[in-house]
C-alpha atoms as a PDB file:
ATOM      1  CA  MET A   1      -0.040   0.133  -0.077  1.00  0.00           C
ATOM      2  CA  ALA A   2       1.372   3.323  -1.152  1.00  0.00           C
ATOM      3  CA  THR A   3       2.369   5.704   1.856  1.00  0.00           C
ATOM      4  CA  LEU A   4       1.201   9.435   2.008  1.00  0.00           C
ATOM      5  CA  ARG A   5       4.765  10.595   0.818  1.00  0.00           C
ATOM      6  CA  GLU A   6       4.449   8.477  -2.348  1.00  0.00           C
ATOM      7  CA  LEU A   7       0.803   9.430  -3.060  1.00  0.00           C
ATOM      8  CA  LYS A   8       1.649  13.144  -2.724  1.00  0.00           C
ATOM      9  CA  GLY A   9       4.582  12.740  -5.146  1.00  0.00           C
ATOM     10  CA  ARG A  10       2.457  11.058  -7.801  1.00  0.00           C
ATOM     11  CA  ILE A  11      -0.155  13.811  -7.508  1.00  0.00           C
ATOM     12  CA  THR A  12       2.638  16.279  -7.906  1.00  0.00           C
ATOM     13  CA  SER A  13       3.645  14.213 -10.981  1.00  0.00           C
ATOM     14  CA  VAL A  14       0.226  13.874 -12.485  1.00  0.00           C
ATOM     15  CA  ASN A  15      -0.413  17.737 -11.741  1.00  0.00           C
ATOM     16  CA  SER A  16       2.598  18.620 -13.756  1.00  0.00           C
ATOM     17  CA  THR A  17       1.852  16.353 -16.531  1.00  0.00           C
ATOM     18  CA  GLY A  18      -1.340  17.779 -16.940  1.00  0.00           C
ATOM     19  CA  LYS A  19      -0.139  21.508 -17.038  1.00  0.00           C
ATOM     20  CA  ILE A  20       2.651  20.297 -19.767  1.00  0.00           C
ATOM     21  CA  THR A  21      -0.024  18.494 -22.100  1.00  0.00           C
ATOM     22  CA  GLY A  22      -2.271  21.567 -21.548  1.00  0.00           C
ATOM     23  CA  ALA A  23       0.577  23.740 -22.928  1.00  0.00           C
ATOM     24  CA  MET A  24       1.335  21.418 -25.605  1.00  0.00           C
ATOM     25  CA  LYS A  25      -2.159  21.397 -26.837  1.00  0.00           C
ATOM     26  CA  MET A  26      -2.185  25.135 -27.079  1.00  0.00           C
ATOM     27  CA  ILE A  27       0.844  25.150 -29.031  1.00  0.00           C
ATOM     28  CA  SER A  28      -0.283  22.471 -31.523  1.00  0.00           C
ATOM     29  CA  SER A  29      -3.692  24.312 -31.808  1.00  0.00           C
ATOM     30  CA  ALA A  30      -2.013  27.584 -32.897  1.00  0.00           C
ATOM     31  CA  LYS A  31       0.247  25.483 -35.603  1.00  0.00           C
ATOM     32  CA  MET A  32      -3.005  24.086 -36.790  1.00  0.00           C
ATOM     33  CA  HIS A  33      -4.514  27.288 -37.365  1.00  0.00           C
ATOM     34  CA  LYS A  34      -1.504  28.589 -39.154  1.00  0.00           C
ATOM     35  CA  ALA A  35      -1.480  25.625 -41.402  1.00  0.00           C
ATOM     36  CA  GLU A  36      -5.214  26.381 -41.933  1.00  0.00           C
ATOM     37  CA  LEU A  37      -4.434  29.933 -43.016  1.00  0.00           C
ATOM     38  CA  SER A  38      -2.130  28.535 -45.618  1.00  0.00           C
ATOM     39  CA  LEU A  39      -4.309  26.354 -46.814  1.00  0.00           C
ATOM     40  CA  ARG A  40      -6.844  29.124 -47.477  1.00  0.00           C
ATOM     41  CA  LYS A  41      -3.948  31.213 -49.106  1.00  0.00           C
ATOM     42  CA  LEU A  42      -3.611  28.025 -51.610  1.00  0.00           C
ATOM     43  CA  LEU A  43      -7.078  27.722 -52.552  1.00  0.00           C
ATOM     44  CA  PRO A  44      -7.270  30.806 -54.845  1.00  0.00           C
ATOM     45  CA  PHE A  45      -4.411  29.650 -56.809  1.00  0.00           C
ATOM     46  CA  ARG A  46      -5.504  26.190 -57.348  1.00  0.00           C
ATOM     47  CA  ALA A  47      -9.018  27.820 -58.326  1.00  0.00           C
ATOM     48  CA  GLN A  48      -7.641  29.960 -61.141  1.00  0.00           C
ATOM     49  CA  ILE A  49      -5.655  27.270 -62.696  1.00  0.00           C
ATOM     50  CA  GLN A  50      -9.031  24.915 -62.573  1.00  0.00           C
ATOM     51  CA  SER A  51     -10.852  27.694 -64.110  1.00  0.00           C
ATOM     52  CA  ILE A  52      -8.180  27.788 -66.971  1.00  0.00           C
ATOM     53  CA  MET A  53      -8.095  24.307 -67.396  1.00  0.00           C
ATOM     54  CA  GLY A  54     -11.995  24.648 -67.228  1.00  0.00           C
ATOM     55  CA  ASN A  55     -11.949  26.798 -70.013  1.00  0.00           C
ATOM     56  CA  LEU A  56      -9.548  24.992 -72.174  1.00  0.00           C
ATOM     57  CA  LEU A  57     -11.417  21.696 -71.802  1.00  0.00           C
ATOM     58  CA  SER A  58     -14.682  23.283 -72.718  1.00  0.00           C
ATOM     59  CA  THR A  59     -13.158  24.031 -76.349  1.00  0.00           C
ATOM     60  CA  ASP A  60     -12.817  21.403 -79.246  1.00  0.00           C
ATOM     61  CA  ALA A  61      -8.977  21.680 -79.195  1.00  0.00           C
ATOM     62  CA  GLU A  62      -7.083  18.378 -79.113  1.00  0.00           C
ATOM     63  CA  PHE A  63      -4.487  18.332 -76.242  1.00  0.00           C
ATOM     64  CA  SER A  64      -1.266  16.407 -75.758  1.00  0.00           C
ATOM     65  CA  SER A  65       1.004  16.261 -72.815  1.00  0.00           C
ATOM     66  CA  PRO A  66       3.286  13.409 -71.487  1.00  0.00           C
ATOM     67  CA  LEU A  67       1.628  14.294 -68.093  1.00  0.00           C
ATOM     68  CA  ILE A  68      -1.834  13.163 -69.181  1.00  0.00           C
ATOM     69  CA  GLU A  69      -0.419  10.097 -71.130  1.00  0.00           C
ATOM     70  CA  GLU A  70      -2.092   6.708 -69.786  1.00  0.00           C
ATOM     71  CA  ARG A  71       0.397   3.703 -70.402  1.00  0.00           C
ATOM     72  CA  PRO A  72       0.376   0.145 -69.297  1.00  0.00           C
ATOM     73  CA  VAL A  73       1.131  -0.012 -65.650  1.00  0.00           C
ATOM     74  CA  ALA A  74       4.495  -1.812 -64.643  1.00  0.00           C
ATOM     75  CA  ASN A  75       5.788   0.300 -61.864  1.00  0.00           C
ATOM     76  CA  VAL A  76       3.840   2.528 -59.466  1.00  0.00           C
ATOM     77  CA  ALA A  77       5.261   5.282 -57.271  1.00  0.00           C
ATOM     78  CA  VAL A  78       3.424   6.181 -53.941  1.00  0.00           C
ATOM     79  CA  VAL A  79       4.264   9.321 -51.844  1.00  0.00           C
ATOM     80  CA  VAL A  80       3.002   8.705 -48.471  1.00  0.00           C
ATOM     81  CA  LEU A  81       2.969  11.846 -45.850  1.00  0.00           C
ATOM     82  CA  GLY A  82       3.428  11.386 -42.419  1.00  0.00           C
ATOM     83  CA  SER A  83       4.996  13.189 -39.365  1.00  0.00           C
ATOM     84  CA  ASP A  84       8.364  14.069 -38.432  1.00  0.00           C
ATOM     85  CA  ASP A  85       7.318  14.386 -34.623  1.00  0.00           C
ATOM     86  CA  GLY A  86       5.611  12.017 -32.235  1.00  0.00           C
ATOM     87  CA  LEU A  87       2.771  12.720 -29.584  1.00  0.00           C
ATOM     88  CA  CYS A  88      -0.046  12.848 -32.480  1.00  0.00           C
ATOM     89  CA  GLY A  89      -1.765   9.792 -31.565  1.00  0.00           C
ATOM     90  CA  ALA A  90      -2.653   6.891 -34.050  1.00  0.00           C
ATOM     91  CA  TYR A  91      -1.988   9.443 -36.846  1.00  0.00           C
ATOM     92  CA  ASN A  92       0.903   7.785 -38.413  1.00  0.00           C
ATOM     93  CA  ILE A  93      -0.383   4.269 -37.647  1.00  0.00           C
ATOM     94  CA  ASN A  94      -3.446   5.126 -39.636  1.00  0.00           C
ATOM     95  CA  VAL A  95      -1.541   6.477 -42.604  1.00  0.00           C
ATOM     96  CA  PHE A  96       0.834   3.181 -42.722  1.00  0.00           C
ATOM     97  CA  LYS A  97      -2.283   1.056 -42.538  1.00  0.00           C
ATOM     98  CA  GLY A  98      -3.596   3.111 -45.446  1.00  0.00           C
ATOM     99  CA  LEU A  99      -0.563   2.528 -47.335  1.00  0.00           C
ATOM    100  CA  LEU A 100      -0.549  -1.470 -46.713  1.00  0.00           C
ATOM    101  CA  LEU A 101      -4.111  -1.244 -48.096  1.00  0.00           C
ATOM    102  CA  ALA A 102      -3.056   0.659 -51.221  1.00  0.00           C
ATOM    103  CA  ILE A 103      -0.369  -1.558 -51.943  1.00  0.00           C
ATOM    104  CA  ASN A 104      -2.717  -4.700 -51.800  1.00  0.00           C
ATOM    105  CA  ASN A 105      -5.039  -2.671 -53.984  1.00  0.00           C
ATOM    106  CA  LEU A 106      -1.992  -2.189 -56.439  1.00  0.00           C
ATOM    107  CA  ARG A 107      -1.276  -5.635 -56.710  1.00  0.00           C
ATOM    108  CA  ASP A 108      -4.779  -6.978 -56.996  1.00  0.00           C
ATOM    109  CA  THR A 109      -5.334  -4.358 -59.916  1.00  0.00           C
ATOM    110  CA  TYR A 110      -2.000  -4.549 -61.783  1.00  0.00           C
ATOM    111  CA  GLY A 111      -0.731  -7.992 -60.783  1.00  0.00           C
ATOM    112  CA  SER A 112       1.422  -9.211 -57.987  1.00  0.00           C
ATOM    113  CA  ASN A 113       4.821  -8.443 -59.812  1.00  0.00           C
ATOM    114  CA  VAL A 114       4.076  -4.720 -60.383  1.00  0.00           C
ATOM    115  CA  GLY A 115       6.879  -2.695 -59.126  1.00  0.00           C
ATOM    116  CA  ILE A 116       6.324  -0.272 -56.223  1.00  0.00           C
ATOM    117  CA  THR A 117       8.362   2.719 -55.324  1.00  0.00           C
ATOM    118  CA  VAL A 118       7.526   4.262 -51.635  1.00  0.00           C
ATOM    119  CA  TYR A 119       8.581   8.136 -51.177  1.00  0.00           C
ATOM    120  CA  PRO A 120       7.954   8.176 -47.266  1.00  0.00           C
ATOM    121  CA  VAL A 121       7.618  11.763 -45.973  1.00  0.00           C
ATOM    122  CA  GLY A 122       8.387  12.367 -42.550  1.00  0.00           C
ATOM    123  CA  GLN A 123      10.934  10.406 -39.970  1.00  0.00           C
ATOM    124  CA  LYS A 124       7.989   8.571 -38.470  1.00  0.00           C
ATOM    125  CA  MET A 125       6.699   7.385 -41.893  1.00  0.00           C
ATOM    126  CA  GLN A 126      10.233   6.578 -42.910  1.00  0.00           C
ATOM    127  CA  LYS A 127      11.071   4.469 -40.064  1.00  0.00           C
ATOM    128  CA  ALA A 128       7.648   2.412 -40.485  1.00  0.00           C
ATOM    129  CA  VAL A 129       8.048   2.123 -44.309  1.00  0.00           C
ATOM    130  CA  ARG A 130      11.915   0.615 -44.123  1.00  0.00           C
ATOM    131  CA  LYS A 131      10.327  -2.730 -43.177  1.00  0.00           C
ATOM    132  CA  LEU A 132       8.393  -2.886 -46.184  1.00  0.00           C
ATOM    133  CA  ALA A 133      11.546  -2.630 -48.620  1.00  0.00           C
ATOM    134  CA  GLY A 134      12.301  -6.018 -50.514  1.00  0.00           C
ATOM    135  CA  GLY A 135      10.777  -7.820 -53.824  1.00  0.00           C
ATOM    136  CA  SER A 136       9.015  -5.695 -55.729  1.00  0.00           C
ATOM    137  CA  ILE A 137       8.774  -2.982 -53.251  1.00  0.00           C
ATOM    138  CA  LYS A 138      11.444  -0.229 -53.087  1.00  0.00           C
ATOM    139  CA  VAL A 139      11.822   2.410 -50.690  1.00  0.00           C
ATOM    140  CA  ALA A 140      13.173   5.893 -51.890  1.00  0.00           C
ATOM    141  CA  VAL A 141      13.961   8.390 -48.936  1.00  0.00           C
ATOM    142  CA  LEU A 142      14.784  11.989 -49.791  1.00  0.00           C
ATOM    143  CA  PRO A 143      16.861  13.733 -47.215  1.00  0.00           C
ATOM    144  CA  ASP A 144      15.517  17.224 -48.128  1.00  0.00           C
ATOM    145  CA  VAL A 145      11.709  16.471 -48.127  1.00  0.00           C
ATOM    146  CA  ASN A 146       9.938  16.248 -44.849  1.00  0.00           C
ATOM    147  CA  SER A 147       6.642  17.130 -43.253  1.00  0.00           C
ATOM    148  CA  LYS A 148       7.878  20.707 -42.685  1.00  0.00           C
ATOM    149  CA  SER A 149       9.385  21.304 -46.129  1.00  0.00           C
ATOM    150  CA  THR A 150       9.265  24.744 -47.625  1.00  0.00           C
ATOM    151  CA  PRO A 151       7.563  25.808 -50.857  1.00  0.00           C
ATOM    152  CA  GLY A 152      10.843  25.787 -52.439  1.00  0.00           C
ATOM    153  CA  GLN A 153      11.816  22.345 -51.392  1.00  0.00           C
ATOM    154  CA  ILE A 154       8.144  21.100 -52.371  1.00  0.00           C
ATOM    155  CA  LYS A 155       8.550  22.488 -55.550  1.00  0.00           C
ATOM    156  CA  GLU A 156      11.835  20.761 -56.357  1.00  0.00           C
ATOM    157  CA  PHE A 157      10.459  17.429 -55.107  1.00  0.00           C
ATOM    158  CA  THR A 158       7.458  18.100 -57.500  1.00  0.00           C
ATOM    159  CA  ARG A 159       9.764  18.441 -60.477  1.00  0.00           C
ATOM    160  CA  GLU A 160      11.643  15.421 -59.682  1.00  0.00           C
ATOM    161  CA  LEU A 161       8.684  13.437 -59.647  1.00  0.00           C
ATOM    162  CA  ILE A 162       7.388  14.929 -62.798  1.00  0.00           C
ATOM    163  CA  ASP A 163      10.994  14.148 -64.732  1.00  0.00           C
ATOM    164  CA  ALA A 164      10.775  10.745 -63.335  1.00  0.00           C
ATOM    165  CA  PHE A 165       7.301  10.190 -65.079  1.00  0.00           C
ATOM    166  CA  ASN A 166       8.403  11.707 -68.109  1.00  0.00           C
ATOM    167  CA  GLN A 167      11.476   9.344 -68.404  1.00  0.00           C
ATOM    168  CA  GLY A 168       9.324   6.142 -67.609  1.00  0.00           C
ATOM    169  CA  ALA A 169      10.773   5.525 -64.167  1.00  0.00           C
ATOM    170  CA  PHE A 170       7.080   4.776 -63.225  1.00  0.00           C
ATOM    171  CA  ASP A 171       3.878   4.829 -65.054  1.00  0.00           C
ATOM    172  CA  LYS A 172       1.288   5.752 -62.183  1.00  0.00           C
ATOM    173  CA  LEU A 173       1.632   8.371 -59.309  1.00  0.00           C
ATOM    174  CA  ASP A 174      -0.385   7.849 -56.249  1.00  0.00           C
ATOM    175  CA  VAL A 175      -0.426  10.403 -53.013  1.00  0.00           C
ATOM    176  CA  LEU A 176      -1.558   9.020 -49.692  1.00  0.00           C
ATOM    177  CA  TYR A 177      -2.092  11.833 -47.055  1.00  0.00           C
ATOM    178  CA  MET A 178      -4.843  12.871 -44.286  1.00  0.00           C
ATOM    179  CA  SER A 179      -7.020  15.158 -45.690  1.00  0.00           C
ATOM    180  CA  PHE A 180      -8.321  18.056 -42.869  1.00  0.00           C
ATOM    181  CA  LYS A 181     -11.884  18.451 -42.458  1.00  0.00           C
ATOM    182  CA  SER A 182     -11.984  19.596 -38.866  1.00  0.00           C
ATOM    183  CA  VAL A 183      -9.911  19.433 -35.464  1.00  0.00           C
ATOM    184  CA  SER A 184     -11.663  16.007 -34.848  1.00  0.00           C
ATOM    185  CA  ARG A 185     -11.902  14.595 -38.100  1.00  0.00           C
ATOM    186  CA  GLN A 186      -9.117  13.995 -40.732  1.00  0.00           C
ATOM    187  CA  VAL A 187      -9.846  11.550 -43.239  1.00  0.00           C
ATOM    188  CA  PHE A 188      -7.246   9.175 -45.190  1.00  0.00           C
ATOM    189  CA  THR A 189      -7.057   9.947 -48.917  1.00  0.00           C
ATOM    190  CA  ARG A 190      -5.557   8.381 -51.785  1.00  0.00           C
ATOM    191  CA  GLU A 191      -5.455  10.275 -54.975  1.00  0.00           C
ATOM    192  CA  THR A 192      -3.780   9.605 -58.372  1.00  0.00           C
ATOM    193  CA  LEU A 193      -1.404  12.384 -59.713  1.00  0.00           C
ATOM    194  CA  LEU A 194      -0.126  11.138 -62.553  1.00  0.00           C
ATOM    195  CA  PRO A 195      -1.060  10.821 -65.151  1.00  0.00           C
ATOM    196  CA  VAL A 196      -3.481  13.790 -64.661  1.00  0.00           C
ATOM    197  CA  SER A 197      -7.186  12.834 -65.386  1.00  0.00           C
ATOM    198  CA  PRO A 198      -9.704  15.590 -66.646  1.00  0.00           C
ATOM    199  CA  ARG A 199     -11.767  14.773 -63.687  1.00  0.00           C
ATOM    200  CA  THR A 200      -8.900  15.993 -61.427  1.00  0.00           C
ATOM    201  CA  LEU A 201      -8.167  18.969 -63.286  1.00  0.00           C
ATOM    202  CA  VAL A 202     -11.717  20.733 -62.923  1.00  0.00           C
ATOM    203  CA  GLY A 203     -14.460  20.316 -60.551  1.00  0.00           C
ATOM    204  CA  ASP A 204     -17.770  18.691 -61.422  1.00  0.00           C
ATOM    205  CA  ASP A 205     -19.098  22.161 -62.340  1.00  0.00           C
ATOM    206  CA  ALA A 206     -16.134  23.725 -63.417  1.00  0.00           C
ATOM    207  CA  VAL A 207     -16.576  23.418 -66.974  1.00  0.00           C
ATOM    208  CA  GLN A 208     -20.356  24.732 -66.845  1.00  0.00           C
ATOM    209  CA  ALA A 209     -19.079  27.842 -65.160  1.00  0.00           C
ATOM    210  CA  CYS A 210     -16.540  28.644 -68.049  1.00  0.00           C
ATOM    211  CA  ARG A 211     -16.912  31.512 -70.365  1.00  0.00           C
ATOM    212  CA  PRO A 212     -15.944  31.598 -74.020  1.00  0.00           C
ATOM    213  CA  CYS A 213     -12.159  32.765 -74.201  1.00  0.00           C
ATOM    214  CA  ILE A 214      -9.781  33.397 -77.010  1.00  0.00           C
ATOM    215  CA  PHE A 215      -6.356  31.753 -76.351  1.00  0.00           C
ATOM    216  CA  GLU A 216      -3.008  32.807 -77.302  1.00  0.00           C
ATOM    217  CA  PRO A 217      -0.827  31.652 -78.766  1.00  0.00           C
ATOM    218  CA  ASP A 218      -2.948  28.205 -78.805  1.00  0.00           C
ATOM    219  CA  ALA A 219      -4.835  26.301 -76.428  1.00  0.00           C
ATOM    220  CA  ASN A 220      -2.485  23.375 -76.264  1.00  0.00           C
ATOM    221  CA  THR A 221       0.439  25.493 -75.704  1.00  0.00           C
ATOM    222  CA  ILE A 222      -1.399  27.158 -72.586  1.00  0.00           C
ATOM    223  CA  PHE A 223      -2.494  23.615 -71.618  1.00  0.00           C
ATOM    224  CA  THR A 224       1.113  22.115 -71.691  1.00  0.00           C
ATOM    225  CA  SER A 225       2.356  25.209 -69.517  1.00  0.00           C
ATOM    226  CA  VAL A 226      -0.400  25.314 -66.877  1.00  0.00           C
ATOM    227  CA  LEU A 227      -0.329  21.532 -66.371  1.00  0.00           C
ATOM    228  CA  PRO A 228       2.831  21.255 -64.489  1.00  0.00           C
ATOM    229  CA  LEU A 229       1.628  24.239 -62.076  1.00  0.00           C
ATOM    230  CA  PHE A 230      -1.471  22.156 -61.422  1.00  0.00           C
ATOM    231  CA  VAL A 231       0.528  19.309 -60.238  1.00  0.00           C
ATOM    232  CA  LEU A 232       2.741  21.561 -58.023  1.00  0.00           C
ATOM    233  CA  ALA A 233      -0.422  23.363 -56.510  1.00  0.00           C
ATOM    234  CA  PHE A 234      -1.777  19.835 -55.837  1.00  0.00           C
ATOM    235  CA  MET A 235       1.370  18.688 -54.220  1.00  0.00           C
ATOM    236  CA  GLN A 236       1.739  21.774 -52.124  1.00  0.00           C
ATOM    237  CA  GLU A 237      -1.996  21.654 -50.740  1.00  0.00           C
ATOM    238  CA  THR A 238      -1.216  18.083 -50.025  1.00  0.00           C
ATOM    239  CA  PHE A 239       1.541  18.883 -47.800  1.00  0.00           C
ATOM    240  CA  VAL A 240      -0.423  21.860 -46.292  1.00  0.00           C
ATOM    241  CA  GLN A 241      -3.357  19.268 -45.626  1.00  0.00           C
ATOM    242  CA  ASN A 242      -0.905  16.843 -44.029  1.00  0.00           C
ATOM    243  CA  ALA A 243       0.662  19.587 -41.593  1.00  0.00           C
ATOM    244  CA  ALA A 244      -2.935  20.623 -40.589  1.00  0.00           C
ATOM    245  CA  SER A 245      -4.232  17.068 -39.964  1.00  0.00           C
ATOM    246  CA  GLU A 246      -1.055  16.074 -37.899  1.00  0.00           C
ATOM    247  CA  GLN A 247      -1.431  19.229 -35.635  1.00  0.00           C
ATOM    248  CA  ALA A 248      -5.427  18.482 -35.294  1.00  0.00           C
ATOM    249  CA  ALA A 249      -4.392  14.932 -34.291  1.00  0.00           C
ATOM    250  CA  ARG A 250      -1.881  16.063 -31.897  1.00  0.00           C
ATOM    251  CA  VAL A 251      -4.463  18.566 -30.177  1.00  0.00           C
ATOM    252  CA  MET A 252      -6.857  15.925 -29.860  1.00  0.00           C
ATOM    253  CA  ALA A 253      -4.038  13.512 -28.337  1.00  0.00           C
ATOM    254  CA  MET A 254      -3.048  16.312 -25.571  1.00  0.00           C
ATOM    255  CA  GLN A 255      -6.806  16.769 -24.988  1.00  0.00           C
ATOM    256  CA  THR A 256      -7.059  13.246 -24.162  1.00  0.00           C
ATOM    257  CA  ALA A 257      -3.740  13.195 -22.192  1.00  0.00           C
ATOM    258  CA  ALA A 258      -5.098  16.049 -20.207  1.00  0.00           C
ATOM    259  CA  ASP A 259      -8.202  14.381 -19.515  1.00  0.00           C
ATOM    260  CA  ASN A 260      -6.689  11.327 -18.370  1.00  0.00           C
ATOM    261  CA  ALA A 261      -4.220  13.236 -16.056  1.00  0.00           C
ATOM    262  CA  LYS A 262      -7.397  15.174 -14.734  1.00  0.00           C
ATOM    263  CA  LYS A 263      -9.178  11.727 -13.903  1.00  0.00           C
ATOM    264  CA  LEU A 264      -6.010  10.046 -12.393  1.00  0.00           C
ATOM    265  CA  LEU A 265      -5.303  13.115 -10.284  1.00  0.00           C
ATOM    266  CA  GLU A 266      -8.965  12.991  -8.729  1.00  0.00           C
ATOM    267  CA  GLU A 267      -8.458   9.301  -7.950  1.00  0.00           C
ATOM    268  CA  LEU A 268      -5.141  10.099  -6.376  1.00  0.00           C
ATOM    269  CA  GLN A 269      -6.528  12.894  -4.311  1.00  0.00           C
ATOM    270  CA  LEU A 270      -9.407  10.621  -3.281  1.00  0.00           C
ATOM    271  CA  GLU A 271      -7.045   7.871  -2.315  1.00  0.00           C
ATOM    272  CA  TYR A 272      -4.727  10.406  -0.629  1.00  0.00           C
ATOM    273  CA  ASN A 273      -7.443  11.822   1.653  1.00  0.00           C
ATOM    274  CA  LYS A 274      -8.555   8.258   2.449  1.00  0.00           C
ATOM    275  CA  LEU A 275      -5.164   7.396   3.706  1.00  0.00           C
ATOM    276  CA  ARG A 276      -4.955  10.663   5.411  1.00  0.00           C
ATOM    277  CA  GLN A 277      -8.156  10.160   7.207  1.00  0.00           C
ATOM    278  CA  GLN A 278      -7.055   6.798   8.240  1.00  0.00           C
ATOM    279  CA  ALA A 279      -3.638   8.014   9.567  1.00  0.00           C
ATOM    280  CA  ILE A 280      -5.465  10.712  11.775  1.00  0.00           C
ATOM    281  CA  THR A 281      -7.838   8.159  13.061  1.00  0.00           C
ATOM    282  CA  SER A 282      -5.173   5.742  13.973  1.00  0.00           C
ATOM    283  CA  GLU A 283      -3.340   8.481  15.975  1.00  0.00           C
ATOM    284  CA  LEU A 284      -6.666   9.451  17.725  1.00  0.00           C
ATOM    285  CA  LEU A 285      -7.002   5.927  18.776  1.00  0.00           C
ATOM    286  CA  ASP A 286      -3.718   5.768  20.048  1.00  0.00           C
ATOM    287  CA  ILE A 287      -4.480   8.896  22.099  1.00  0.00           C
ATOM    288  CA  LEU A 288      -7.402   7.782  23.599  1.00  0.00           C
ATOM    289  CA  GLY A 289      -5.882   4.202  24.285  1.00  0.00           C
ATOM    290  CA  GLY A 290      -3.206   6.102  26.108  1.00  0.00           C
ATOM    291  CA  GLN A 291      -5.380   8.092  28.123  1.00  0.00           C
ATOM    292  CA  ALA A 292      -7.471   5.104  29.075  1.00  0.00           C
ATOM    293  CA  ARG A 293      -4.546   3.340  30.499  1.00  0.00           C
END
């Protein structure tokens, strides 16, 4: 049975833990709101690109670009985004489970011998994905790319992926990430980035909302120039979605930890009071016993 001194030490420790988790929750909340703001800033850029693409696709012109070329799939690249830091609950575990399901789906679709190259983003994801290397699965770790990459680093990473696709290193590129919906809801998302499909280029109502335009020099030249910008905008938005989702998961994890610490503190305080009352009662009985003698 714990002594009063031991219980008092536990109470102090749990109380400190509760304060630390509360402070970490506030920090993560501020980072999450910052990521949300960055996401809002990216939306007009992508919306403008989609508007241009919608106007282009509404014409009768024929378009040709290596980025929309569909070919038999023998090799697939998968970019999977996780976190560099821990204390975010089951965030990375859920992403890793989604990766395993995606790999099984690719093998079911294109055959068990399909080559899969995984590009893990974030130290936690890199560590988890290393165990998958072997056979038809390769793991490509890029030291300059992580969950906190700058726009310049993301641009360079995207350019390398586009070049690899154009050179035939892989025939399909999937991106796996957590899409940010709210503080309590992040949805695992798998999207095919390359080759780019018309449905990905524009929303369901984008073409209907387009206006007649005159294109200079010609529609196909503009299409081939804007398409890489669309791929870049998509990748940048994905990284920001990942950052916002990570911080949201960390907010919820810290909230759960704070609630558990508060509950444990109440239980320890109750046990401490009971033990203290027993000690006082015992002392009173000893005093009364001594007087009786």
